[in-house]
Amino acid sequence: MDQAACVAGAGGLPGPGAGVDWCYFVDPGLDVTRADRVEIGEDGIGGFAVVVTLTPADGVDYAAWTTGSAGHQIAISVEGRVLIAPDLLEPLSGDALHIIGLTETDAQTLLRQLWE
């Protein structure tokens, strides 16, 4: 991640950061092109979460991918733009990605961006 704006051809993806766009340089990751469901819920710590329920096939790949990515920041992007870049604290298993610690407005915005 770099605070500078992305320069064409540099290989970075634009995305949010500290009030301005930053440039995220990301390693190849897990591509999920569809989900069974995307919804907003409470996160259990006083905020909101966006929950992306994966297809069964992607759920298996997701568990394996999070094992190698734990402890790093991950980028969730759509059409070449990073929407959010949370820290992945530990390997995850299951069929859903939970993006927690959001305000209700941020959760609604992220939900809309993921479905566009």
Protein backbone atom coordinates (compact mmCIF):
# COMPACT_ATOMS: atom_id res chain seq x y z
CA MET A 1 0.00 0.00 0.00
CA ASP A 2 1.29 3.43 -0.90
CA GLN A 3 -0.18 6.82 -0.05
CA ALA A 4 0.56 8.01 -3.58
CA ALA A 5 -2.08 7.81 -6.27
CA CYS A 6 -1.79 4.86 -8.64
CA VAL A 7 0.19 5.57 -11.80
CA ALA A 8 -0.97 3.82 -14.96
CA GLY A 9 1.12 0.74 -15.60
CA ALA A 10 2.59 0.57 -12.08
CA GLY A 11 0.50 -2.49 -11.21
CA GLY A 12 -1.38 -1.08 -8.24
CA LEU A 13 -5.10 -0.85 -7.54
CA PRO A 14 -6.67 2.39 -6.30
CA GLY A 15 -8.62 2.26 -3.07
CA PRO A 16 -9.55 4.06 0.13
CA GLY A 17 -6.99 5.18 2.68
CA ALA A 18 -6.91 7.93 5.32
CA GLY A 19 -9.37 10.22 3.53
CA VAL A 20 -7.75 9.97 0.07
CA ASP A 21 -7.18 7.22 -2.49
CA TRP A 22 -4.10 5.08 -1.93
CA CYS A 23 -2.44 2.63 -4.26
CA TYR A 24 -2.58 -1.03 -3.19
CA PHE A 25 0.01 -3.43 -4.59
CA VAL A 26 -1.50 -6.86 -4.17
CA ASP A 27 -0.27 -10.40 -4.64
CA PRO A 28 -2.43 -12.82 -6.58
CA GLY A 29 -5.19 -14.05 -4.34
CA LEU A 30 -8.52 -15.78 -4.34
CA ASP A 31 -10.93 -14.62 -7.03
CA VAL A 32 -14.58 -14.98 -6.10
CA THR A 33 -16.81 -13.97 -8.98
CA ARG A 34 -20.16 -14.79 -7.39
CA ALA A 35 -21.64 -15.39 -3.98
CA ASP A 36 -24.72 -17.19 -2.75
CA ARG A 37 -25.68 -14.22 -0.57
CA VAL A 38 -24.37 -10.85 0.64
CA GLU A 39 -26.05 -9.24 3.63
CA ILE A 40 -25.59 -6.85 6.55
CA GLY A 41 -25.72 -7.92 10.16
CA GLU A 42 -24.46 -6.88 13.57
CA ASP A 43 -20.87 -7.88 14.26
CA GLY A 44 -21.20 -8.67 17.97
CA ILE A 45 -18.77 -5.91 19.00
CA GLY A 46 -21.06 -2.91 18.63
CA GLY A 47 -20.75 -2.40 14.90
CA PHE A 48 -21.98 -3.85 11.67
CA ALA A 49 -20.70 -6.55 9.36
CA VAL A 50 -21.07 -7.46 5.73
CA VAL A 51 -21.36 -11.21 5.38
CA VAL A 52 -20.53 -12.75 2.01
CA THR A 53 -21.79 -16.34 1.82
CA LEU A 54 -19.62 -18.19 -0.66
CA THR A 55 -20.60 -20.94 -3.04
CA PRO A 56 -19.64 -24.43 -1.76
CA ALA A 57 -16.74 -24.70 -4.24
CA ASP A 58 -15.34 -21.30 -3.25
CA GLY A 59 -15.69 -22.16 0.46
CA VAL A 60 -13.09 -24.92 0.14
CA ASP A 61 -10.68 -22.63 -1.74
CA TYR A 62 -11.33 -19.84 0.78
CA ALA A 63 -10.32 -21.99 3.75
CA ALA A 64 -7.06 -23.00 2.05
CA TRP A 65 -6.31 -19.44 0.95
CA THR A 66 -6.84 -17.93 4.41
CA THR A 67 -4.37 -20.42 5.88
CA GLY A 68 -1.61 -18.90 3.77
CA SER A 69 -2.83 -15.31 4.12
CA ALA A 70 -3.40 -15.10 7.88
CA GLY A 71 -1.55 -12.26 9.53
CA HIS A 72 -1.64 -10.08 6.42
CA GLN A 73 -3.83 -7.35 5.08
CA ILE A 74 -6.15 -8.55 2.33
CA ALA A 75 -7.77 -6.50 -0.40
CA ILE A 76 -11.40 -6.92 -1.39
CA SER A 77 -11.74 -5.40 -4.81
CA VAL A 78 -14.30 -5.12 -7.58
CA GLU A 79 -13.43 -4.18 -11.16
CA GLY A 80 -9.88 -3.07 -10.35
CA ARG A 81 -10.68 -0.93 -7.30
CA VAL A 82 -10.04 -1.89 -3.69
CA LEU A 83 -13.24 -1.42 -1.67
CA ILE A 84 -11.80 -2.34 1.73
CA ALA A 85 -8.54 -3.85 2.96
CA PRO A 86 -9.01 -5.50 6.37
CA ASP A 87 -6.39 -7.44 8.30
CA LEU A 88 -6.90 -11.21 8.21
CA LEU A 89 -6.00 -12.17 11.76
CA GLU A 90 -6.26 -15.95 11.56
CA PRO A 91 -7.08 -18.76 9.13
CA LEU A 92 -10.79 -19.13 8.54
CA SER A 93 -12.95 -21.99 7.49
CA GLY A 94 -16.56 -22.18 6.55
CA ASP A 95 -18.67 -20.78 3.85
CA ALA A 96 -18.67 -17.05 4.60
CA LEU A 97 -16.44 -14.00 4.75
CA HIS A 98 -17.36 -11.65 7.61
CA ILE A 99 -16.14 -8.07 7.22
CA ILE A 100 -16.62 -6.61 10.70
CA GLY A 101 -16.16 -3.32 12.53
CA LEU A 102 -18.14 -1.20 10.09
CA THR A 103 -20.56 1.61 10.69
CA GLU A 104 -24.07 1.00 9.39
CA THR A 105 -23.47 3.50 6.56
CA ASP A 106 -20.16 1.88 5.59
CA ALA A 107 -21.77 -1.56 5.66
CA GLN A 108 -24.59 -0.40 3.38
CA THR A 109 -22.10 1.22 0.99
CA LEU A 110 -19.95 -1.92 0.86
CA LEU A 111 -23.01 -4.12 0.29
CA ARG A 112 -24.08 -1.92 -2.62
CA GLN A 113 -20.55 -1.92 -4.12
CA LEU A 114 -20.29 -5.70 -3.94
CA TRP A 115 -23.60 -6.14 -5.78
CA GLU A 116 -23.02 -3.55 -8.52
